[in-house]
Amino acid sequence: MIDQSSEFTLYNWIQQYQLGCTPKSTIGLFGSLYFAGLLLGSLIVPRASDLYGRKIMAISGNVLHIATAILMLQTTSMKLAFAMQFF
């Protein structure tokens, strides 16, 4: 059990997403979704860069990354965190 009253207790993703009692497969899925999104992006972005231009794809990729990072920091929903981890 996590002692929330202790000054040495860290408040991190384990408390934010209630991962203390979740199955290991859920935690593994959380890490695997990042690489699945990376794989899909590696298939789509190079062709889109050829069609629409590298500058616009670089800017849109950075904006998407910043938006998903901010949403992951703010959300407490595990399903939304899974989606943001993929994107």
C-alpha atoms as a PDB file:
ATOM      1  CA  MET A   1       0.000   0.000   0.000  1.00  0.00           C
ATOM      2  CA  ILE A   2       1.278   3.469  -0.872  1.00  0.00           C
ATOM      3  CA  ASP A   3       1.539   5.904   2.027  1.00  0.00           C
ATOM      4  CA  GLN A   4       0.241   9.184   0.542  1.00  0.00           C
ATOM      5  CA  SER A   5       0.954  11.099   3.758  1.00  0.00           C
ATOM      6  CA  SER A   6       4.712  10.463   3.599  1.00  0.00           C
ATOM      7  CA  GLU A   7       6.914  13.260   2.274  1.00  0.00           C
ATOM      8  CA  PHE A   8       9.005  10.665   0.425  1.00  0.00           C
ATOM      9  CA  THR A   9       6.106   9.324  -1.672  1.00  0.00           C
ATOM     10  CA  LEU A  10       6.409  10.122  -5.356  1.00  0.00           C
ATOM     11  CA  TYR A  11       3.276  10.951  -7.297  1.00  0.00           C
ATOM     12  CA  ASN A  12       3.928   9.528 -10.749  1.00  0.00           C
ATOM     13  CA  TRP A  13       2.175   7.506 -13.464  1.00  0.00           C
ATOM     14  CA  ILE A  14       1.630   4.566 -11.147  1.00  0.00           C
ATOM     15  CA  GLN A  15      -0.699   6.629  -8.968  1.00  0.00           C
ATOM     16  CA  GLN A  16      -2.033   8.801 -11.806  1.00  0.00           C
ATOM     17  CA  TYR A  17      -3.285   5.831 -13.852  1.00  0.00           C
ATOM     18  CA  GLN A  18      -3.839   3.449 -10.895  1.00  0.00           C
ATOM     19  CA  LEU A  19      -1.275   0.959 -12.182  1.00  0.00           C
ATOM     20  CA  GLY A  20      -0.547  -0.554  -8.769  1.00  0.00           C
ATOM     21  CA  CYS A  21      -3.048  -3.392  -9.158  1.00  0.00           C
ATOM     22  CA  THR A  22      -3.306  -3.724 -12.930  1.00  0.00           C
ATOM     23  CA  PRO A  23      -2.131  -6.838 -14.762  1.00  0.00           C
ATOM     24  CA  LYS A  24       1.371  -6.854 -16.197  1.00  0.00           C
ATOM     25  CA  SER A  25      -0.085  -7.194 -19.692  1.00  0.00           C
ATOM     26  CA  THR A  26      -1.699  -3.752 -19.346  1.00  0.00           C
ATOM     27  CA  ILE A  27       1.615  -2.192 -18.389  1.00  0.00           C
ATOM     28  CA  GLY A  28       3.283  -3.995 -21.301  1.00  0.00           C
ATOM     29  CA  LEU A  29       0.602  -2.732 -23.680  1.00  0.00           C
ATOM     30  CA  PHE A  30       1.271   0.811 -22.478  1.00  0.00           C
ATOM     31  CA  GLY A  31       4.929   0.511 -23.519  1.00  0.00           C
ATOM     32  CA  SER A  32       4.222  -1.396 -26.728  1.00  0.00           C
ATOM     33  CA  LEU A  33       1.780   1.195 -28.065  1.00  0.00           C
ATOM     34  CA  TYR A  34       4.605   3.725 -28.345  1.00  0.00           C
ATOM     35  CA  PHE A  35       6.534   1.434 -30.679  1.00  0.00           C
ATOM     36  CA  ALA A  36       3.414   0.513 -32.654  1.00  0.00           C
ATOM     37  CA  GLY A  37       2.785   4.217 -33.277  1.00  0.00           C
ATOM     38  CA  LEU A  38       6.429   4.693 -34.217  1.00  0.00           C
ATOM     39  CA  LEU A  39       6.188   1.840 -36.723  1.00  0.00           C
ATOM     40  CA  LEU A  40       2.992   3.158 -38.297  1.00  0.00           C
ATOM     41  CA  GLY A  41       4.399   6.677 -38.452  1.00  0.00           C
ATOM     42  CA  SER A  42       7.535   5.370 -40.148  1.00  0.00           C
ATOM     43  CA  LEU A  43       5.356   3.878 -42.868  1.00  0.00           C
ATOM     44  CA  ILE A  44       3.144   6.937 -43.427  1.00  0.00           C
ATOM     45  CA  VAL A  45       5.243  10.065 -42.803  1.00  0.00           C
ATOM     46  CA  PRO A  46       8.022   9.563 -45.399  1.00  0.00           C
ATOM     47  CA  ARG A  47       5.511   9.234 -48.253  1.00  0.00           C
ATOM     48  CA  ALA A  48       3.452  12.157 -46.959  1.00  0.00           C
ATOM     49  CA  SER A  49       6.651  14.225 -46.780  1.00  0.00           C
ATOM     50  CA  ASP A  50       7.293  13.536 -50.460  1.00  0.00           C
ATOM     51  CA  LEU A  51       3.749  14.542 -51.385  1.00  0.00           C
ATOM     52  CA  TYR A  52       3.181  17.584 -49.152  1.00  0.00           C
ATOM     53  CA  GLY A  53       6.683  18.777 -48.303  1.00  0.00           C
ATOM     54  CA  ARG A  54       9.095  18.022 -45.519  1.00  0.00           C
ATOM     55  CA  LYS A  55       8.660  21.328 -43.700  1.00  0.00           C
ATOM     56  CA  ILE A  56       4.908  20.989 -43.215  1.00  0.00           C
ATOM     57  CA  MET A  57       5.255  17.371 -42.077  1.00  0.00           C
ATOM     58  CA  ALA A  58       8.015  18.272 -39.606  1.00  0.00           C
ATOM     59  CA  ILE A  59       5.948  21.105 -38.137  1.00  0.00           C
ATOM     60  CA  SER A  60       2.775  18.998 -37.932  1.00  0.00           C
ATOM     61  CA  GLY A  61       4.715  16.132 -36.329  1.00  0.00           C
ATOM     62  CA  ASN A  62       6.133  18.444 -33.688  1.00  0.00           C
ATOM     63  CA  VAL A  63       2.717  19.962 -32.968  1.00  0.00           C
ATOM     64  CA  LEU A  64       1.183  16.470 -32.662  1.00  0.00           C
ATOM     65  CA  HIS A  65       3.967  15.398 -30.303  1.00  0.00           C
ATOM     66  CA  ILE A  66       3.559  18.441 -28.055  1.00  0.00           C
ATOM     67  CA  ALA A  67      -0.237  18.072 -27.960  1.00  0.00           C
ATOM     68  CA  THR A  68      -0.095  14.382 -27.037  1.00  0.00           C
ATOM     69  CA  ALA A  69       2.571  14.997 -24.381  1.00  0.00           C
ATOM     70  CA  ILE A  70       0.465  17.712 -22.741  1.00  0.00           C
ATOM     71  CA  LEU A  71      -2.649  15.503 -22.836  1.00  0.00           C
ATOM     72  CA  MET A  72      -0.735  12.603 -21.276  1.00  0.00           C
ATOM     73  CA  LEU A  73       0.433  14.817 -18.447  1.00  0.00           C
ATOM     74  CA  GLN A  74      -3.086  16.096 -17.763  1.00  0.00           C
ATOM     75  CA  THR A  75      -5.276  13.003 -18.132  1.00  0.00           C
ATOM     76  CA  THR A  76      -6.116  10.394 -15.515  1.00  0.00           C
ATOM     77  CA  SER A  77      -7.930   8.139 -18.005  1.00  0.00           C
ATOM     78  CA  MET A  78      -5.963   5.034 -18.910  1.00  0.00           C
ATOM     79  CA  LYS A  79      -7.727   4.678 -22.283  1.00  0.00           C
ATOM     80  CA  LEU A  80      -6.832   8.233 -23.296  1.00  0.00           C
ATOM     81  CA  ALA A  81      -3.270   7.638 -22.126  1.00  0.00           C
ATOM     82  CA  PHE A  82      -3.114   4.534 -24.341  1.00  0.00           C
ATOM     83  CA  ALA A  83      -4.282   6.575 -27.344  1.00  0.00           C
ATOM     84  CA  MET A  84      -1.814   9.393 -26.647  1.00  0.00           C
ATOM     85  CA  GLN A  85       1.011   6.885 -26.215  1.00  0.00           C
ATOM     86  CA  PHE A  86       0.218   5.514 -29.696  1.00  0.00           C
ATOM     87  CA  PHE A  87       0.095   8.958 -31.342  1.00  0.00           C
END
